[in-house]
N, C-alpha and C. Protein backbone atom coordinates (compact mmCIF):
# COMPACT_ATOMS: atom_id res chain seq x y z
N UNK A 1 3.34 21.57 -5.67
CA UNK A 1 3.18 20.69 -7.09
C UNK A 1 2.67 19.38 -7.16
N UNK A 2 2.24 18.78 -8.61
CA UNK A 2 1.72 17.83 -8.71
C UNK A 2 2.05 16.78 -9.22
N UNK A 3 2.23 15.45 -8.49
CA UNK A 3 2.83 14.53 -9.35
C UNK A 3 4.39 14.46 -8.07
N UNK A 4 4.49 13.68 -8.17
CA UNK A 4 6.01 13.29 -7.18
C UNK A 4 7.08 12.60 -7.80
N UNK A 5 8.25 13.30 -8.06
CA UNK A 5 9.49 12.96 -8.27
C UNK A 5 10.31 13.59 -7.56
N UNK A 6 11.87 12.24 -7.45
CA UNK A 6 12.73 13.68 -6.85
C UNK A 6 12.75 14.96 -7.20
N UNK A 7 12.85 15.56 -6.56
CA UNK A 7 13.24 17.54 -6.28
C UNK A 7 13.81 17.65 -5.08
N UNK A 8 14.20 18.95 -5.21
CA UNK A 8 15.09 19.95 -4.38
C UNK A 8 15.14 21.78 -4.69
N UNK A 9 14.54 22.52 -4.26
CA UNK A 9 14.80 24.01 -4.36
C UNK A 9 15.61 24.18 -3.44
N UNK A 10 15.78 25.74 -3.94
CA UNK A 10 17.14 26.49 -3.61
C UNK A 10 16.68 26.70 -1.83
N UNK A 11 15.75 26.54 -0.79
CA UNK A 11 15.38 26.56 0.57
C UNK A 11 15.40 25.38 1.02
N UNK A 12 15.86 24.46 0.64
CA UNK A 12 16.47 23.21 1.22
C UNK A 12 15.09 22.09 1.29
N UNK A 13 14.46 22.58 0.42
CA UNK A 13 13.04 21.38 0.55
C UNK A 13 13.58 20.08 -0.87
N UNK A 14 13.37 19.27 0.22
CA UNK A 14 13.47 17.83 -1.07
C UNK A 14 12.42 16.90 -0.63
N UNK A 15 12.33 16.19 -1.58
CA UNK A 15 12.03 15.06 -2.19
C UNK A 15 12.59 14.36 -2.32
N UNK A 16 12.81 12.84 -1.86
CA UNK A 16 13.98 11.80 -2.22
C UNK A 16 13.54 10.77 -2.53
N UNK A 17 13.37 10.21 -3.07
CA UNK A 17 11.88 9.19 -4.01
C UNK A 17 13.15 8.50 -5.20
N UNK A 18 13.18 7.50 -5.76
CA UNK A 18 14.04 6.87 -7.16
C UNK A 18 13.18 6.05 -7.46
N UNK A 19 11.70 6.09 -7.05
CA UNK A 19 10.54 5.20 -7.96
C UNK A 19 10.58 6.32 -9.24
N UNK A 20 9.20 5.68 -9.85
CA UNK A 20 8.46 6.06 -11.14
C UNK A 20 6.98 7.19 -10.63
N UNK A 21 7.50 8.71 -11.30
CA UNK A 21 5.90 9.76 -10.61
C UNK A 21 5.51 8.86 -9.97
N UNK A 22 4.74 9.24 -8.96
CA UNK A 22 3.34 9.21 -8.45
C UNK A 22 2.37 10.10 -9.17
N UNK A 23 1.58 9.87 -9.39
CA UNK A 23 0.63 11.07 -10.75
C UNK A 23 -0.63 11.25 -9.46
N UNK A 24 -1.53 12.23 -9.50
CA UNK A 24 -2.40 12.96 -8.45
C UNK A 24 -2.25 12.59 -7.37
N UNK A 25 -0.87 13.18 -6.96
CA UNK A 25 -0.21 13.40 -5.53
C UNK A 25 0.23 15.10 -5.39
N UNK A 26 -0.33 15.63 -4.62
CA UNK A 26 0.03 17.01 -4.34
C UNK A 26 1.48 17.22 -3.30
N UNK A 27 2.36 18.05 -3.60
CA UNK A 27 3.45 18.14 -2.63
C UNK A 27 3.20 19.49 -2.22
N UNK A 28 3.66 20.37 -1.18
CA UNK A 28 3.52 21.59 -0.75
C UNK A 28 4.46 22.21 0.04
N UNK A 29 5.41 22.86 -0.16
CA UNK A 29 6.22 23.35 0.41
C UNK A 29 6.07 25.07 0.75
N UNK A 30 6.19 25.45 2.13
CA UNK A 30 5.61 26.63 2.55
C UNK A 30 6.98 27.15 3.38
N UNK A 31 7.39 26.44 3.62
CA UNK A 31 8.79 26.52 4.58
C UNK A 31 10.00 26.32 4.11
N UNK A 32 11.45 26.39 4.98
CA UNK A 32 12.25 25.39 4.32
C UNK A 32 12.78 24.24 4.71
N UNK A 33 14.06 23.23 4.74
CA UNK A 33 14.81 22.47 5.01
C UNK A 33 13.77 21.24 5.28
N UNK A 34 12.18 21.70 4.09
CA UNK A 34 11.67 19.96 4.52
C UNK A 34 12.07 19.07 3.36
N UNK A 35 11.25 17.78 4.35
CA UNK A 35 11.87 16.77 3.80
C UNK A 35 10.60 15.57 3.19
N UNK A 36 10.31 15.06 2.25
CA UNK A 36 9.67 14.08 1.88
C UNK A 36 10.57 12.88 1.62
N UNK A 37 10.52 11.32 1.99
CA UNK A 37 11.36 10.76 2.13
C UNK A 37 10.53 9.72 1.78
N UNK A 38 10.86 9.21 0.19
CA UNK A 38 9.56 7.65 0.08
C UNK A 38 10.17 6.60 -0.37
N UNK A 39 9.96 5.25 -0.11
CA UNK A 39 9.97 4.22 -0.50
C UNK A 39 10.53 3.75 -1.78
N UNK A 40 10.91 3.30 -2.53
CA UNK A 40 10.83 2.98 -4.11
C UNK A 40 9.78 2.45 -4.11
N UNK A 41 9.35 1.64 -3.52
CA UNK A 41 8.53 0.59 -3.75
C UNK A 41 6.98 0.65 -2.73
N UNK A 42 6.79 1.99 -2.47
CA UNK A 42 5.67 3.02 -2.25
C UNK A 42 4.49 2.70 -3.00
N UNK A 43 3.23 2.91 -1.98
CA UNK A 43 2.01 3.04 -2.89
C UNK A 43 1.16 4.50 -2.23
N UNK A 44 0.85 5.29 -2.74
CA UNK A 44 0.42 5.95 -2.46
C UNK A 44 -1.05 6.67 -3.42
N UNK A 45 -1.89 6.51 -2.88
CA UNK A 45 -3.51 6.62 -3.50
C UNK A 45 -3.61 7.68 -4.07
N UNK A 46 -3.79 8.20 -5.65
CA UNK A 46 -4.02 9.41 -6.26
C UNK A 46 -5.25 10.38 -5.18
N UNK A 47 -5.06 11.93 -4.71
CA UNK A 47 -5.62 12.53 -3.90
C UNK A 47 -5.16 12.82 -2.79
N UNK A 48 -3.73 12.08 -2.61
CA UNK A 48 -3.54 12.24 -1.26
C UNK A 48 -2.85 14.03 -1.64
N UNK A 49 -2.74 14.56 0.04
CA UNK A 49 -1.77 15.78 0.25
C UNK A 49 -0.96 15.50 1.02
N UNK A 50 0.37 16.26 0.50
CA UNK A 50 1.38 16.67 1.53
C UNK A 50 1.39 18.23 1.83
N UNK A 51 1.79 18.63 2.76
CA UNK A 51 1.89 19.82 3.38
C UNK A 51 2.63 20.55 4.28
N UNK A 52 3.53 20.79 4.20
CA UNK A 52 4.53 21.51 5.35
C UNK A 52 4.17 23.22 5.10
N UNK A 53 4.28 23.48 6.26
CA UNK A 53 3.38 24.61 6.44
C UNK A 53 4.80 25.25 7.00
N UNK A 54 5.86 24.72 7.99
CA UNK A 54 6.88 25.58 8.31
C UNK A 54 8.15 24.85 7.92
N UNK A 55 9.00 24.65 8.58
CA UNK A 55 10.13 24.96 8.22
C UNK A 55 10.64 23.23 9.02
N UNK A 56 11.65 22.66 8.79
CA UNK A 56 12.63 21.16 9.31
C UNK A 56 11.06 20.13 9.89
N UNK A 57 11.14 19.88 8.78
CA UNK A 57 9.83 18.86 8.92
C UNK A 57 9.98 17.72 8.24
N UNK A 58 9.60 16.21 8.76
CA UNK A 58 10.04 15.20 7.97
C UNK A 58 8.86 14.27 7.58
N UNK A 59 8.36 13.63 6.45
CA UNK A 59 7.92 12.52 6.16
C UNK A 59 8.42 11.32 5.62
N UNK A 60 8.48 10.24 6.07
CA UNK A 60 8.53 9.19 5.55
C UNK A 60 8.01 7.93 5.86
N UNK A 61 7.72 7.84 4.40
CA UNK A 61 7.22 6.72 4.37
C UNK A 61 7.49 4.90 3.40
N UNK A 62 7.51 4.02 4.00
CA UNK A 62 8.20 2.70 3.74
C UNK A 62 7.27 2.35 1.96
N UNK A 63 7.46 0.98 1.97
CA UNK A 63 6.92 0.01 0.52
C UNK A 63 5.90 0.50 1.12
N UNK A 64 5.02 -0.24 0.26
CA UNK A 64 3.33 -0.41 0.41
C UNK A 64 2.94 -1.78 -0.15
N UNK A 65 1.98 -1.96 0.38
CA UNK A 65 1.15 -2.75 0.25
C UNK A 65 0.14 -3.05 -0.47
N UNK A 66 -0.98 -2.45 -0.25
CA UNK A 66 -2.50 -2.15 -1.15
C UNK A 66 -2.15 -0.10 -1.89
N UNK A 67 -2.50 0.39 -0.65
CA UNK A 67 -1.79 2.23 -0.71
C UNK A 67 -2.72 2.79 0.46
N UNK A 68 -1.56 4.38 0.80
CA UNK A 68 -2.02 5.22 1.39
C UNK A 68 -2.56 6.12 1.13
N UNK A 69 -4.52 6.95 1.48
CA UNK A 69 -4.60 7.71 0.79
C UNK A 69 -4.43 8.74 2.18
N UNK A 70 -3.47 9.93 2.11
CA UNK A 70 -3.49 10.03 3.14
C UNK A 70 -3.50 11.98 2.97
N UNK A 71 -3.70 12.63 3.75
CA UNK A 71 -3.35 14.36 3.78
C UNK A 71 -3.21 14.20 4.93
N UNK A 72 -1.68 14.97 4.90
CA UNK A 72 -0.51 14.96 6.18
C UNK A 72 -0.38 16.61 6.24
N UNK A 73 -0.20 17.12 7.16
CA UNK A 73 -0.05 18.55 7.35
C UNK A 73 0.42 18.48 8.77
N UNK A 74 1.73 19.63 7.87
CA UNK A 74 3.12 19.25 9.54
C UNK A 74 3.39 21.12 9.55
N UNK A 75 3.72 20.66 10.81
CA UNK A 75 4.51 22.32 11.08
C UNK A 75 5.56 22.33 11.80
N UNK A 76 6.62 22.84 12.16
CA UNK A 76 7.47 23.12 13.21
C UNK A 76 8.12 22.11 13.51
N UNK A 77 9.64 21.78 12.78
CA UNK A 77 10.28 20.67 13.44
C UNK A 77 9.54 19.43 13.59
N UNK A 78 8.21 19.30 13.13
CA UNK A 78 7.46 17.75 13.36
C UNK A 78 7.99 17.04 12.14
N UNK A 79 7.63 15.36 12.70
CA UNK A 79 8.05 14.50 11.91
C UNK A 79 6.58 13.41 11.87
N UNK A 80 6.12 12.87 10.60
CA UNK A 80 5.93 11.79 10.32
C UNK A 80 6.08 10.32 9.30
N UNK A 81 5.99 9.40 11.07
CA UNK A 81 7.09 8.16 9.75
C UNK A 81 5.84 7.46 9.96
N UNK A 82 5.90 7.07 8.76
CA UNK A 82 5.09 5.28 8.40
C UNK A 82 5.93 4.08 8.45
N UNK A 83 5.61 2.83 8.35
CA UNK A 83 6.55 1.81 8.13
C UNK A 83 6.32 1.27 6.97
N UNK A 84 6.38 -0.10 6.87
CA UNK A 84 6.04 -0.68 5.50
C UNK A 84 4.56 -1.51 5.76
N UNK A 85 4.35 -1.49 4.27
CA UNK A 85 2.70 -2.15 4.29
C UNK A 85 1.44 -1.54 4.97
N UNK A 86 1.79 0.09 5.31
CA UNK A 86 0.66 0.67 5.89
C UNK A 86 -0.70 1.06 4.84
N UNK A 87 -2.33 0.43 5.34
CA UNK A 87 -2.98 0.61 3.73
C UNK A 87 -3.92 1.43 5.15
N UNK A 88 -5.09 2.33 3.85
CA UNK A 88 -6.06 2.72 4.20
C UNK A 88 -7.34 2.65 3.51
N UNK A 89 -8.34 3.35 3.94
CA UNK A 89 -9.74 2.95 3.23
C UNK A 89 -10.02 4.02 2.33
N UNK A 90 -10.18 4.92 2.88
CA UNK A 90 -10.07 6.10 2.65
C UNK A 90 -8.97 7.41 3.15
N UNK A 91 -9.49 8.87 2.84
CA UNK A 91 -8.44 9.53 3.08
C UNK A 91 -7.75 9.61 4.82
N UNK A 92 -6.99 9.75 5.21
CA UNK A 92 -6.19 9.47 6.78
C UNK A 92 -6.56 10.87 6.89
N UNK A 93 -6.44 11.52 7.47
CA UNK A 93 -5.90 13.05 8.26
C UNK A 93 -4.52 12.88 9.35
N UNK A 94 -3.35 12.75 9.10
CA UNK A 94 -2.67 13.26 9.62
C UNK A 94 -1.93 14.59 10.42
N UNK A 95 -1.79 14.97 11.35
CA UNK A 95 -1.01 16.15 11.97
C UNK A 95 -0.84 16.26 12.59
N UNK A 96 1.30 17.46 12.43
CA UNK A 96 1.81 17.32 13.64
C UNK A 96 2.76 18.54 13.69
N UNK A 97 2.47 18.68 14.91
CA UNK A 97 2.63 20.24 14.82
C UNK A 97 4.02 20.74 16.05
N UNK A 98 4.93 21.95 16.37
CA UNK A 98 5.65 22.32 17.29
C UNK A 98 6.07 21.33 17.68
N UNK A 99 7.07 20.17 16.65
CA UNK A 99 8.11 19.37 17.21
C UNK A 99 7.40 18.40 17.76
N UNK A 100 6.35 18.19 17.34
CA UNK A 100 5.97 16.21 18.18
C UNK A 100 6.29 15.35 16.54
N UNK A 101 5.69 14.21 16.41
CA UNK A 101 6.15 13.07 16.20
C UNK A 101 5.10 12.26 15.65
N UNK A 102 4.65 11.82 15.00
CA UNK A 102 3.44 10.73 14.70
C UNK A 102 4.18 9.54 14.15
N UNK A 103 4.34 8.70 14.91
CA UNK A 103 5.08 7.26 14.23
C UNK A 103 4.15 5.76 13.89
N UNK A 104 3.89 5.34 12.86
CA UNK A 104 2.87 3.94 12.57
C UNK A 104 3.73 3.28 11.98
N UNK A 105 3.33 1.56 12.74
CA UNK A 105 4.84 0.69 12.74
C UNK A 105 4.47 0.08 10.69
N UNK A 106 4.87 -0.96 10.79
CA UNK A 106 4.63 -1.24 9.48
C UNK A 106 3.59 -2.46 10.13
N UNK A 107 2.24 -2.66 8.67
CA UNK A 107 1.49 -3.39 8.49
C UNK A 107 0.39 -3.00 9.46
N UNK A 108 -0.36 -1.41 9.63
CA UNK A 108 -1.53 -1.35 9.71
C UNK A 108 -2.51 -1.19 8.91
N UNK A 109 -2.98 -1.36 9.53
CA UNK A 109 -4.46 -1.16 8.38
C UNK A 109 -5.40 -0.11 9.12
N UNK A 110 -6.40 0.72 8.56
CA UNK A 110 -6.70 2.07 8.74
C UNK A 110 -8.16 2.04 7.93
N UNK A 111 -8.87 1.96 8.52
CA UNK A 111 -9.86 2.20 7.68
C UNK A 111 -10.99 3.39 7.40
N UNK A 112 -11.79 3.60 6.67
CA UNK A 112 -12.51 5.09 6.74
C UNK A 112 -12.60 5.83 7.70
N UNK A 113 -12.57 7.61 7.22
CA UNK A 113 -12.41 8.46 7.92
C UNK A 113 -12.05 8.39 9.16
N UNK A 114 -10.67 8.38 9.53
CA UNK A 114 -10.04 8.48 10.72
C UNK A 114 -8.65 9.34 10.42
N UNK A 115 -8.73 10.09 11.73
CA UNK A 115 -8.28 11.01 12.14
C UNK A 115 -7.07 10.48 13.18
N UNK A 116 -5.24 11.00 12.90
CA UNK A 116 -4.61 11.26 13.60
C UNK A 116 -3.76 12.67 13.77
N UNK A 117 -3.90 12.54 15.32
CA UNK A 117 -2.93 13.92 14.90
C UNK A 117 -2.64 14.28 16.86
N UNK A 118 -1.45 15.21 16.95
CA UNK A 118 -0.99 15.27 17.34
C UNK A 118 -0.82 16.92 18.46
N UNK A 119 -2.18 17.59 17.65
CA UNK A 119 -2.25 18.38 18.26
C UNK A 119 -3.77 18.80 18.29
N UNK A 120 -4.50 19.91 18.93
CA UNK A 120 -5.74 20.38 19.16
C UNK A 120 -5.87 21.37 17.58
N UNK A 121 -4.61 21.85 16.95
CA UNK A 121 -5.01 22.89 15.83
C UNK A 121 -4.62 24.47 16.32
N UNK A 122 -5.41 24.84 17.49
CA UNK A 122 -4.92 26.22 17.56
C UNK A 122 -4.82 25.61 19.71
N UNK A 123 -4.26 26.71 19.87
CA UNK A 123 -3.77 26.96 21.60
C UNK A 123 -4.70 26.94 22.59
N UNK A 124 -5.28 26.46 23.55
CA UNK A 124 -5.69 26.89 24.51
C UNK A 124 -5.10 27.26 25.84
N UNK A 125 -5.33 28.23 26.56
CA UNK A 125 -4.55 29.17 27.66
C UNK A 125 -5.40 29.05 28.91
N UNK A 126 -4.32 28.61 29.97
CA UNK A 126 -4.70 28.80 31.17
C UNK A 126 -5.30 30.64 31.54
N UNK A 127 -6.31 31.19 31.88
CA UNK A 127 -6.85 32.74 31.82
C UNK A 127 -5.81 33.32 33.36
N UNK A 128 -5.67 32.32 34.13
CA UNK A 128 -5.30 32.84 35.14
C UNK A 128 -3.26 33.11 35.55
N UNK A 129 -2.79 31.61 34.97
CA UNK A 129 -1.40 31.94 34.53
C UNK A 129 -0.69 31.94 33.40
N UNK A 130 -1.81 31.93 32.67
CA UNK A 130 -1.43 32.17 31.16
C UNK A 130 -1.00 30.95 30.37
N UNK A 131 -0.77 29.97 31.53
CA UNK A 131 0.48 29.06 30.68
C UNK A 131 -0.42 27.97 29.11
N UNK A 132 0.12 27.27 28.45
CA UNK A 132 -0.81 26.62 27.40
C UNK A 132 -1.40 24.95 28.47
N UNK A 133 -2.42 24.84 28.07
CA UNK A 133 -3.07 23.50 28.73
C UNK A 133 -3.38 22.12 27.85
N UNK A 134 -3.02 22.60 26.20
CA UNK A 134 -2.90 21.82 25.23
C UNK A 134 -1.87 21.75 24.38
N UNK A 135 -0.54 21.14 24.69
CA UNK A 135 0.36 21.42 24.07
C UNK A 135 0.63 20.22 23.02
N UNK A 136 1.44 20.27 21.58
CA UNK A 136 1.49 19.06 20.87
C UNK A 136 1.98 17.88 21.57
N UNK A 137 1.53 16.84 21.47
CA UNK A 137 2.27 15.42 22.00
C UNK A 137 2.39 14.38 21.01
N UNK A 138 3.30 13.48 21.05
CA UNK A 138 3.43 12.40 20.16
C UNK A 138 2.52 11.35 19.94
N UNK A 139 2.06 10.66 19.07
CA UNK A 139 1.74 9.43 18.63
C UNK A 139 2.20 8.21 18.17
N UNK A 140 2.18 7.13 18.54
CA UNK A 140 2.96 6.29 18.22
C UNK A 140 2.32 5.38 17.90
N UNK A 141 1.73 4.30 16.88
CA UNK A 141 0.89 3.36 16.37
C UNK A 141 1.76 2.19 16.29
N UNK A 142 1.38 1.43 17.02
CA UNK A 142 2.64 -0.03 17.03
C UNK A 142 2.57 -0.87 15.70
N UNK A 143 3.09 -1.59 15.40
CA UNK A 143 3.03 -2.62 13.99
C UNK A 143 1.44 -3.58 14.28
N UNK A 144 1.27 -3.87 12.71
CA UNK A 144 -0.01 -4.43 12.71
C UNK A 144 -1.52 -4.49 13.61
N UNK A 145 -1.57 -2.85 13.78
CA UNK A 145 -2.78 -2.61 14.74
C UNK A 145 -3.62 -1.84 13.76
N UNK A 146 -5.29 -2.16 13.99
CA UNK A 146 -6.26 -1.95 12.99
C UNK A 146 -6.73 -1.12 13.55
N UNK A 147 -7.32 0.17 12.70
CA UNK A 147 -7.74 1.58 13.70
C UNK A 147 -9.20 1.51 12.67
N UNK A 148 -10.30 0.81 13.52
CA UNK A 148 -11.41 1.37 12.59
C UNK A 148 -11.75 2.60 12.48
N UNK A 149 -13.50 2.59 11.93
CA UNK A 149 -14.17 2.87 11.01
C UNK A 149 -14.37 4.03 11.96
N UNK A 150 -13.84 5.72 11.55
CA UNK A 150 -14.24 7.08 12.47
C UNK A 150 -13.21 7.03 13.70
N UNK A 151 -12.14 6.29 13.73
CA UNK A 151 -11.58 6.64 15.29
C UNK A 151 -10.76 8.39 14.95
N UNK A 152 -10.89 8.67 16.42
CA UNK A 152 -9.58 9.52 16.17
C UNK A 152 -8.70 9.70 17.34
N UNK A 153 -7.60 9.75 16.76
CA UNK A 153 -6.56 9.27 17.96
C UNK A 153 -5.53 10.41 18.42
N UNK A 154 -5.67 10.96 19.60
CA UNK A 154 -5.06 11.99 19.51
C UNK A 154 -3.74 12.55 20.29
N UNK A 155 -3.20 13.40 20.02
CA UNK A 155 -1.86 13.19 20.87
C UNK A 155 -1.68 12.89 22.41
N UNK A 156 -0.49 12.38 22.38
CA UNK A 156 -0.23 11.94 23.81
C UNK A 156 -0.54 10.14 23.70
N UNK A 157 -0.90 9.74 22.74
CA UNK A 157 -1.22 8.02 22.64
C UNK A 157 -0.44 7.07 21.97
N UNK A 158 -0.12 5.86 22.57
CA UNK A 158 0.60 4.71 22.22
C UNK A 158 -0.89 3.31 21.90
N UNK A 159 -0.20 2.81 21.17
CA UNK A 159 -0.77 1.73 21.44
C UNK A 159 -0.10 0.43 20.47
N UNK A 160 -0.22 -0.50 21.09
CA UNK A 160 0.78 -1.65 21.17
C UNK A 160 0.84 -2.51 19.78
N UNK A 161 1.36 -3.02 19.33
CA UNK A 161 1.20 -4.09 18.64
C UNK A 161 0.17 -4.90 17.99
N UNK A 162 -0.56 -5.02 17.31
CA UNK A 162 -1.26 -6.15 17.24
C UNK A 162 -2.93 -5.89 18.04
N UNK A 163 -3.15 -4.62 18.56
CA UNK A 163 -4.00 -4.41 18.83
C UNK A 163 -5.20 -3.91 17.58
N UNK A 164 -6.50 -3.56 18.28
CA UNK A 164 -7.45 -3.08 17.46
C UNK A 164 -8.03 -2.01 17.95
N UNK A 165 -8.30 -1.17 16.96
CA UNK A 165 -9.04 0.60 18.47
C UNK A 165 -10.35 -0.15 17.50
N UNK A 166 -11.48 -0.49 18.20
CA UNK A 166 -13.16 0.10 17.73
C UNK A 166 -13.64 0.70 16.85
N UNK A 167 -14.51 0.71 15.91
CA UNK A 167 -15.36 2.07 15.32
C UNK A 167 -15.41 3.32 15.95
N UNK A 168 -15.38 4.67 15.72
CA UNK A 168 -15.58 5.64 16.23
C UNK A 168 -14.90 5.86 17.58
N UNK A 169 -13.99 5.31 18.48
CA UNK A 169 -13.08 5.24 19.56
C UNK A 169 -12.62 6.71 19.61
N UNK A 170 -12.33 7.46 20.29
CA UNK A 170 -11.51 8.71 20.58
C UNK A 170 -10.57 8.09 21.78
N UNK A 171 -9.24 8.17 21.34
CA UNK A 171 -8.14 7.18 21.62
C UNK A 171 -7.13 8.77 22.51
N UNK A 172 -6.78 8.55 23.76
CA UNK A 172 -5.79 9.03 24.00
C UNK A 172 -5.26 8.49 25.51
N UNK A 173 -4.06 8.08 25.19
CA UNK A 173 -3.38 7.53 26.46
C UNK A 173 -2.42 6.03 26.45
N UNK A 174 -2.02 5.42 26.42
CA UNK A 174 -1.36 3.94 27.00
C UNK A 174 -1.79 2.84 26.55
N UNK A 175 -1.80 2.06 25.78
CA UNK A 175 -2.79 1.06 25.46
C UNK A 175 -1.63 -0.16 24.92
N UNK A 176 -2.12 -1.24 25.81
CA UNK A 176 -0.79 -2.33 25.20
C UNK A 176 -1.08 -3.41 24.45
N UNK A 177 -0.15 -4.47 24.51
CA UNK A 177 -0.41 -4.61 22.64
C UNK A 177 -1.36 -6.09 22.88
N UNK A 178 -1.84 -6.62 21.62
CA UNK A 178 -2.87 -7.70 21.67
C UNK A 178 -4.20 -7.53 22.37
N UNK A 179 -4.98 -5.92 21.98
CA UNK A 179 -5.90 -6.09 22.99
C UNK A 179 -6.96 -5.14 21.99
N UNK A 180 -8.06 -5.38 22.75
CA UNK A 180 -9.23 -4.33 21.60
C UNK A 180 -9.48 -2.90 22.50
N UNK A 181 -9.43 -2.33 21.79
CA UNK A 181 -9.91 -0.31 22.29
C UNK A 181 -11.17 -0.31 21.66
N UNK A 182 -12.03 0.71 22.44
CA UNK A 182 -13.10 0.89 21.93
C UNK A 182 -13.99 2.14 23.08
N UNK A 183 -14.93 2.86 22.52
CA UNK A 183 -15.33 3.76 23.75
C UNK A 183 -14.62 5.31 23.29
N UNK A 184 -15.86 6.25 23.93
CA UNK A 184 -15.26 6.92 24.27
C UNK A 184 -16.01 7.45 25.47
N UNK A 185 -13.96 8.39 26.25
CA UNK A 185 -13.16 7.85 26.09
C UNK A 185 -12.49 6.56 25.93
N UNK A 186 -11.52 6.08 24.86
CA UNK A 186 -11.32 5.03 24.75
C UNK A 186 -10.74 4.14 25.66
N UNK A 187 -11.14 3.21 26.52
CA UNK A 187 -10.47 1.64 27.05
C UNK A 187 -10.18 0.17 26.75
N UNK A 188 -9.70 -0.26 27.42
CA UNK A 188 -9.22 -1.75 27.20
C UNK A 188 -10.83 -2.59 27.53
N UNK A 189 -10.61 -3.28 26.28
CA UNK A 189 -12.54 -4.13 26.36
C UNK A 189 -11.82 -5.18 26.09
N UNK A 190 -10.95 -6.05 25.98
CA UNK A 190 -10.49 -7.61 25.95
C UNK A 190 -9.27 -7.28 25.39
N UNK A 191 -8.26 -8.04 26.34
CA UNK A 191 -6.91 -8.66 25.76
C UNK A 191 -7.01 -10.12 25.37
N UNK A 192 -5.65 -10.32 25.11
CA UNK A 192 -4.97 -11.72 24.65
C UNK A 192 -6.14 -12.23 23.10
N UNK A 193 -6.01 -10.51 22.22
CA UNK A 193 -7.06 -10.90 20.55
C UNK A 193 -5.79 -11.17 19.38
N UNK A 194 -6.04 -11.58 18.61
CA UNK A 194 -5.23 -11.56 17.32
C UNK A 194 -6.73 -11.49 16.39
N UNK A 195 -5.93 -10.81 15.35
CA UNK A 195 -6.58 -10.36 13.48
C UNK A 195 -5.17 -10.19 12.60
N UNK A 196 -6.19 -10.53 11.80
CA UNK A 196 -6.18 -10.93 10.57
C UNK A 196 -6.51 -10.44 9.11
N UNK A 197 -5.32 -9.69 8.48
CA UNK A 197 -6.63 -8.79 7.10
C UNK A 197 -7.20 -9.49 6.81
N UNK A 198 -6.68 -10.58 6.62
CA UNK A 198 -8.44 -11.91 5.74
C UNK A 198 -9.73 -11.58 5.92
N UNK A 199 -10.08 -10.64 4.62
CA UNK A 199 -11.45 -10.33 4.61
C UNK A 199 -12.38 -11.69 4.77
N UNK A 200 -13.54 -11.16 5.58
CA UNK A 200 -14.87 -11.97 5.31
C UNK A 200 -15.74 -12.22 4.15
N UNK A 201 -15.85 -11.40 3.12
CA UNK A 201 -16.24 -11.60 1.96
C UNK A 201 -15.50 -11.73 0.87
N UNK A 202 -14.93 -11.76 0.76
CA UNK A 202 -13.21 -11.58 0.08
C UNK A 202 -12.39 -12.56 -0.20
N UNK A 203 -12.52 -13.04 0.20
CA UNK A 203 -10.76 -14.34 0.71
C UNK A 203 -11.49 -15.49 1.52
N UNK A 204 -12.05 -16.86 0.37
CA UNK A 204 -12.29 -18.28 0.75
C UNK A 204 -11.14 -18.11 2.33
N UNK A 205 -12.04 -19.66 2.96
CA UNK A 205 -13.46 -19.79 3.63
C UNK A 205 -14.17 -18.72 3.80
N UNK A 206 -15.46 -18.79 3.72
CA UNK A 206 -16.22 -17.21 3.98
C UNK A 206 -16.91 -17.47 5.07
N UNK A 207 -17.11 -18.85 5.61
CA UNK A 207 -16.87 -18.68 6.97
C UNK A 207 -15.68 -19.29 7.40
N UNK A 208 -15.37 -18.36 8.63
CA UNK A 208 -13.78 -18.80 10.18
C UNK A 208 -14.00 -18.53 11.32
N UNK A 209 -14.74 -20.09 11.45
CA UNK A 209 -15.26 -19.76 13.02
C UNK A 209 -13.87 -19.83 13.94
N UNK A 210 -13.11 -20.19 13.61
CA UNK A 210 -11.60 -20.41 14.51
C UNK A 210 -10.79 -20.53 13.32
N UNK A 211 -9.12 -20.23 14.33
CA UNK A 211 -8.29 -19.77 13.80
C UNK A 211 -7.33 -20.95 13.21
N UNK A 212 -8.05 -21.78 12.42
CA UNK A 212 -7.71 -22.88 11.62
C UNK A 212 -7.85 -22.84 10.37
N UNK A 213 -8.60 -21.94 10.20
CA UNK A 213 -9.18 -21.51 9.10
C UNK A 213 -8.60 -20.06 8.85
N UNK A 214 -7.51 -19.61 9.15
CA UNK A 214 -7.11 -18.38 8.61
C UNK A 214 -5.32 -18.88 8.68
N UNK A 215 -4.27 -18.24 7.52
CA UNK A 215 -2.79 -18.03 7.96
C UNK A 215 -2.80 -17.15 9.15
N UNK A 216 -1.96 -17.91 9.93
CA UNK A 216 -1.41 -16.86 11.44
C UNK A 216 -0.76 -15.75 11.24
N UNK A 217 -0.06 -14.96 11.52
CA UNK A 217 1.07 -13.68 11.59
C UNK A 217 1.85 -14.18 12.43
N UNK A 218 2.65 -13.65 12.49
CA UNK A 218 3.62 -13.54 13.57
C UNK A 218 3.31 -12.32 14.48
N UNK A 219 2.18 -11.81 14.83
CA UNK A 219 1.58 -10.64 15.57
C UNK A 219 0.11 -11.48 16.62
N UNK A 220 0.25 -12.98 16.86
CA UNK A 220 -0.27 -13.65 18.00
C UNK A 220 0.56 -13.64 19.24
N UNK A 221 0.15 -12.86 20.13
CA UNK A 221 1.03 -12.90 21.21
C UNK A 221 -0.26 -12.57 22.98
N UNK A 222 -0.16 -12.55 23.56
CA UNK A 222 -0.88 -12.20 25.32
C UNK A 222 -0.05 -11.53 25.38
N UNK A 223 -1.52 -10.27 25.91
CA UNK A 223 -0.93 -8.65 25.86
C UNK A 223 -0.41 -8.66 26.94
N UNK A 224 0.50 -7.83 27.21
CA UNK A 224 1.45 -7.51 28.20
C UNK A 224 1.22 -6.99 29.69
N UNK A 225 0.41 -6.10 30.16
CA UNK A 225 0.17 -5.53 31.11
C UNK A 225 -1.05 -5.98 32.26
N UNK A 226 -1.40 -7.62 31.80
CA UNK A 226 -3.00 -8.38 32.85
C UNK A 226 -2.24 -8.15 33.88
């Protein structure tokens, strides 16, 4: 399906949306009982793709600030939940399967070439026991998190609100609020930080030496796990 409008079919797949048609966006239903639920004020960038490969999957996206450019792939019973005013520089890859969940809070800012996935796409097994060694696990990103260029977020990750994930970080594990996470594998390199969307070259003043030069958001807090 090219273009997003309200939709339902005989297999129980549906798009729940009462806003104007969104051009240039593809939705593919390959199974049954899948749902794409969009706020009327959503902003999705042309070229975005939603793939429901199996059954009983749900995507929910809140209202938009600028635009979210996404490739979303969902397997059986999976869900992806995106809060309000989430933005991305280029297309973000989201992948959730096997009943797992990706959750992004409000005001998340995503730089270019970012992937967020609950799984490795293919199963890996222990040769002796036959047990699975890489099950799908949830990803939870809190409000007002900045994911830098080239970040890879893996299953089993949670990032607290107000944090920054540095460029090219490979992120797995739990991280507190208002910290900087960086590296491969990622670790906390600084606590007690706050960031703002004010661009250094697009919003005056063009020098911002301290916090008096920006309007502070509500996300200024001390990190909770010192």
